[in-house]
C-alpha atoms as a PDB file:
ATOM      1  CA  UNK A   1     -34.178 -26.630  33.821  1.00  0.00           C
ATOM      2  CA  UNK A   2     -32.763 -28.961  35.954  1.00  0.00           C
ATOM      3  CA  UNK A   3     -36.387 -29.856  37.652  1.00  0.00           C
ATOM      4  CA  UNK A   4     -37.736 -28.994  33.999  1.00  0.00           C
ATOM      5  CA  UNK A   5     -40.339 -26.306  36.276  1.00  0.00           C
ATOM      6  CA  UNK A   6     -42.723 -24.393  33.908  1.00  0.00           C
ATOM      7  CA  UNK A   7     -41.145 -21.465  35.389  1.00  0.00           C
ATOM      8  CA  UNK A   8     -39.219 -19.578  38.455  1.00  0.00           C
ATOM      9  CA  UNK A   9     -40.290 -16.937  40.675  1.00  0.00           C
ATOM     10  CA  UNK A  10     -38.596 -13.816  39.840  1.00  0.00           C
ATOM     11  CA  UNK A  11     -38.119 -13.122  43.869  1.00  0.00           C
ATOM     12  CA  UNK A  12     -35.751 -17.254  43.345  1.00  0.00           C
ATOM     13  CA  UNK A  13     -32.464 -15.872  42.898  1.00  0.00           C
ATOM     14  CA  UNK A  14     -33.337 -12.899  45.200  1.00  0.00           C
ATOM     15  CA  UNK A  15     -33.695 -14.919  48.882  1.00  0.00           C
ATOM     16  CA  UNK A  16     -30.540 -17.159  46.898  1.00  0.00           C
ATOM     17  CA  UNK A  17     -28.305 -14.533  48.004  1.00  0.00           C
ATOM     18  CA  UNK A  18     -29.940 -13.518  50.768  1.00  0.00           C
ATOM     19  CA  UNK A  19     -29.176 -16.655  52.709  1.00  0.00           C
ATOM     20  CA  UNK A  20     -25.886 -17.721  51.138  1.00  0.00           C
ATOM     21  CA  UNK A  21     -24.376 -14.580  51.438  1.00  0.00           C
ATOM     22  CA  UNK A  22     -25.505 -14.486  55.227  1.00  0.00           C
ATOM     23  CA  UNK A  23     -24.762 -18.335  55.940  1.00  0.00           C
ATOM     24  CA  UNK A  24     -20.732 -17.546  54.644  1.00  0.00           C
ATOM     25  CA  UNK A  25     -20.543 -14.417  56.362  1.00  0.00           C
ATOM     26  CA  UNK A  26     -21.877 -16.190  59.554  1.00  0.00           C
ATOM     27  CA  UNK A  27     -19.054 -19.298  58.603  1.00  0.00           C
ATOM     28  CA  UNK A  28     -15.643 -16.772  57.675  1.00  0.00           C
ATOM     29  CA  UNK A  29     -16.570 -15.065  61.203  1.00  0.00           C
ATOM     30  CA  UNK A  30     -15.614 -18.094  62.887  1.00  0.00           C
ATOM     31  CA  UNK A  31     -12.404 -19.023  60.625  1.00  0.00           C
ATOM     32  CA  UNK A  32     -11.017 -15.650  60.546  1.00  0.00           C
ATOM     33  CA  UNK A  33     -11.773 -15.276  64.605  1.00  0.00           C
ATOM     34  CA  UNK A  34      -9.853 -18.092  65.053  1.00  0.00           C
ATOM     35  CA  UNK A  35      -7.404 -16.976  62.363  1.00  0.00           C
ATOM     36  CA  UNK A  36      -6.496 -14.246  64.490  1.00  0.00           C
ATOM     37  CA  UNK A  37      -5.766 -14.955  67.244  1.00  0.00           C
ATOM     38  CA  UNK A  38      -4.026 -17.830  66.042  1.00  0.00           C
ATOM     39  CA  UNK A  39      -1.661 -14.652  63.954  1.00  0.00           C
ATOM     40  CA  UNK A  40      -1.836 -12.487  66.818  1.00  0.00           C
ATOM     41  CA  UNK A  41       0.575 -15.312  68.663  1.00  0.00           C
ATOM     42  CA  UNK A  42       2.664 -17.166  66.207  1.00  0.00           C
ATOM     43  CA  UNK A  43       2.017 -14.865  62.866  1.00  0.00           C
ATOM     44  CA  UNK A  44      -0.686 -14.930  60.017  1.00  0.00           C
ATOM     45  CA  UNK A  45       1.162 -18.022  58.441  1.00  0.00           C
ATOM     46  CA  UNK A  46       0.976 -20.650  61.328  1.00  0.00           C
ATOM     47  CA  UNK A  47      -2.164 -18.851  62.147  1.00  0.00           C
ATOM     48  CA  UNK A  48      -3.589 -19.773  58.928  1.00  0.00           C
ATOM     49  CA  UNK A  49      -2.589 -22.988  59.252  1.00  0.00           C
ATOM     50  CA  UNK A  50      -3.127 -24.068  62.633  1.00  0.00           C
ATOM     51  CA  UNK A  51      -7.591 -21.819  62.571  1.00  0.00           C
ATOM     52  CA  UNK A  52      -8.397 -24.060  59.350  1.00  0.00           C
ATOM     53  CA  UNK A  53      -7.263 -27.157  61.156  1.00  0.00           C
ATOM     54  CA  UNK A  54      -8.914 -26.085  64.263  1.00  0.00           C
ATOM     55  CA  UNK A  55     -12.084 -24.952  62.305  1.00  0.00           C
ATOM     56  CA  UNK A  56     -12.387 -26.417  59.551  1.00  0.00           C
ATOM     57  CA  UNK A  57     -13.995 -29.905  60.471  1.00  0.00           C
ATOM     58  CA  UNK A  58     -16.610 -27.639  62.291  1.00  0.00           C
ATOM     59  CA  UNK A  59     -17.414 -25.729  59.345  1.00  0.00           C
ATOM     60  CA  UNK A  60     -17.571 -28.632  57.097  1.00  0.00           C
ATOM     61  CA  UNK A  61     -19.683 -30.314  59.106  1.00  0.00           C
ATOM     62  CA  UNK A  62     -21.719 -27.115  59.547  1.00  0.00           C
ATOM     63  CA  UNK A  63     -22.000 -26.995  56.358  1.00  0.00           C
ATOM     64  CA  UNK A  64     -23.132 -30.091  55.331  1.00  0.00           C
ATOM     65  CA  UNK A  65     -25.396 -30.927  57.839  1.00  0.00           C
ATOM     66  CA  UNK A  66     -26.835 -27.428  56.977  1.00  0.00           C
ATOM     67  CA  UNK A  67     -26.871 -28.425  53.155  1.00  0.00           C
ATOM     68  CA  UNK A  68     -28.873 -31.750  54.156  1.00  0.00           C
ATOM     69  CA  UNK A  69     -31.585 -29.346  55.885  1.00  0.00           C
ATOM     70  CA  UNK A  70     -31.725 -27.005  52.891  1.00  0.00           C
ATOM     71  CA  UNK A  71     -31.926 -30.100  50.511  1.00  0.00           C
ATOM     72  CA  UNK A  72     -35.766 -31.611  52.052  1.00  0.00           C
ATOM     73  CA  UNK A  73     -37.068 -28.114  51.174  1.00  0.00           C
ATOM     74  CA  UNK A  74     -36.593 -29.825  47.688  1.00  0.00           C
ATOM     75  CA  UNK A  75     -38.832 -32.476  48.366  1.00  0.00           C
ATOM     76  CA  UNK A  76     -41.434 -30.774  48.772  1.00  0.00           C
ATOM     77  CA  UNK A  77     -44.185 -30.257  46.190  1.00  0.00           C
ATOM     78  CA  UNK A  78     -43.841 -25.876  45.996  1.00  0.00           C
ATOM     79  CA  UNK A  79     -41.684 -25.185  43.009  1.00  0.00           C
ATOM     80  CA  UNK A  80     -40.291 -22.169  44.900  1.00  0.00           C
ATOM     81  CA  UNK A  81     -39.511 -24.491  47.669  1.00  0.00           C
ATOM     82  CA  UNK A  82     -37.796 -26.770  45.530  1.00  0.00           C
ATOM     83  CA  UNK A  83     -35.552 -24.693  43.696  1.00  0.00           C
ATOM     84  CA  UNK A  84     -34.921 -22.758  46.918  1.00  0.00           C
ATOM     85  CA  UNK A  85     -33.797 -25.564  48.907  1.00  0.00           C
ATOM     86  CA  UNK A  86     -31.015 -27.624  46.154  1.00  0.00           C
ATOM     87  CA  UNK A  87     -29.740 -23.856  45.163  1.00  0.00           C
ATOM     88  CA  UNK A  88     -28.786 -23.224  48.844  1.00  0.00           C
ATOM     89  CA  UNK A  89     -28.046 -26.644  49.522  1.00  0.00           C
ATOM     90  CA  UNK A  90     -25.641 -26.741  46.555  1.00  0.00           C
ATOM     91  CA  UNK A  91     -24.327 -23.064  47.471  1.00  0.00           C
ATOM     92  CA  UNK A  92     -23.731 -24.278  51.356  1.00  0.00           C
ATOM     93  CA  UNK A  93     -21.645 -27.192  49.769  1.00  0.00           C
ATOM     94  CA  UNK A  94     -19.601 -25.163  47.860  1.00  0.00           C
ATOM     95  CA  UNK A  95     -19.069 -22.508  50.253  1.00  0.00           C
ATOM     96  CA  UNK A  96     -18.139 -24.501  53.336  1.00  0.00           C
ATOM     97  CA  UNK A  97     -15.651 -27.505  51.092  1.00  0.00           C
ATOM     98  CA  UNK A  98     -14.547 -25.006  48.439  1.00  0.00           C
ATOM     99  CA  UNK A  99     -14.691 -20.672  49.452  1.00  0.00           C
ATOM    100  CA  UNK A 100     -13.691 -21.526  53.172  1.00  0.00           C
ATOM    101  CA  UNK A 101     -11.268 -24.329  53.024  1.00  0.00           C
ATOM    102  CA  UNK A 102      -9.528 -23.758  49.847  1.00  0.00           C
ATOM    103  CA  UNK A 103     -10.188 -19.818  48.818  1.00  0.00           C
ATOM    104  CA  UNK A 104     -10.336 -17.841  51.597  1.00  0.00           C
ATOM    105  CA  UNK A 105      -7.260 -20.260  53.452  1.00  0.00           C
ATOM    106  CA  UNK A 106      -5.028 -19.036  49.926  1.00  0.00           C
ATOM    107  CA  UNK A 107      -6.085 -15.456  50.216  1.00  0.00           C
ATOM    108  CA  UNK A 108      -4.621 -15.641  54.258  1.00  0.00           C
ATOM    109  CA  UNK A 109      -1.432 -17.026  52.780  1.00  0.00           C
ATOM    110  CA  UNK A 110      -1.109 -14.911  50.085  1.00  0.00           C
ATOM    111  CA  UNK A 111      -1.249 -11.594  51.631  1.00  0.00           C
ATOM    112  CA  UNK A 112      -0.379 -12.551  55.206  1.00  0.00           C
ATOM    113  CA  UNK A 113      -0.463 -10.109  57.449  1.00  0.00           C
ATOM    114  CA  UNK A 114      -1.727  -7.279  54.940  1.00  0.00           C
ATOM    115  CA  UNK A 115      -5.384  -9.637  55.095  1.00  0.00           C
ATOM    116  CA  UNK A 116      -5.364  -7.537  58.475  1.00  0.00           C
ATOM    117  CA  UNK A 117      -4.704  -4.079  56.940  1.00  0.00           C
ATOM    118  CA  UNK A 118      -6.345  -1.151  58.385  1.00  0.00           C
ATOM    119  CA  UNK A 119      -6.271  -3.131  61.812  1.00  0.00           C
ATOM    120  CA  UNK A 120      -2.766  -2.854  63.845  1.00  0.00           C
ATOM    121  CA  UNK A 121      -2.058  -6.274  63.212  1.00  0.00           C
ATOM    122  CA  UNK A 122      -0.769  -5.862  59.503  1.00  0.00           C
ATOM    123  CA  UNK A 123       2.003  -3.587  61.119  1.00  0.00           C
ATOM    124  CA  UNK A 124       2.939  -5.472  63.315  1.00  0.00           C
ATOM    125  CA  UNK A 125       6.251  -7.674  61.975  1.00  0.00           C
ATOM    126  CA  UNK A 126       5.392 -11.388  62.607  1.00  0.00           C
ATOM    127  CA  UNK A 127       6.370 -12.890  66.320  1.00  0.00           C
ATOM    128  CA  UNK A 128       9.579 -14.584  63.951  1.00  0.00           C
ATOM    129  CA  UNK A 129      11.404 -15.631  60.944  1.00  0.00           C
ATOM    130  CA  UNK A 130       8.648 -18.502  59.312  1.00  0.00           C
ATOM    131  CA  UNK A 131       9.260 -21.265  56.110  1.00  0.00           C
ATOM    132  CA  UNK A 132       7.222 -22.113  54.453  1.00  0.00           C
ATOM    133  CA  UNK A 133       6.163 -24.989  56.939  1.00  0.00           C
ATOM    134  CA  UNK A 134       5.289 -22.594  59.292  1.00  0.00           C
ATOM    135  CA  UNK A 135       8.521 -23.625  61.610  1.00  0.00           C
ATOM    136  CA  UNK A 136      10.921 -20.871  62.846  1.00  0.00           C
ATOM    137  CA  UNK A 137      14.005 -19.843  59.692  1.00  0.00           C
ATOM    138  CA  UNK A 138      16.584 -21.608  61.281  1.00  0.00           C
ATOM    139  CA  UNK A 139      15.399 -24.970  62.773  1.00  0.00           C
ATOM    140  CA  UNK A 140      16.346 -28.162  61.149  1.00  0.00           C
END
């Protein structure tokens, strides 16, 4: 109804789902690999915040470029490609700006070391106690 098209292709939801899941997993792997590296060195809280700081700009930039690329499909005079381009562009922006930077990081911070279960990292305590700011406890 957004573009005032008479009908829609029945395979549209499947294509949008496949594109968004594949792209979302790529960004999540990139973010969580860095978070894991930092969590091994500095603990889960500092690792989550440092990992986001290190990769957030790259993920958001790549998401914007990819969304622009798919948005170009919206200019084609083919109903299926217009719908697909708009939906994937919107979904990629939502994924990179909201899901990766807010929801995944919040989940990391809430679950702490348990986000790594069942690996050995979940069973290891943080290298040192951390405060809410990520600083070692007892440091003024």
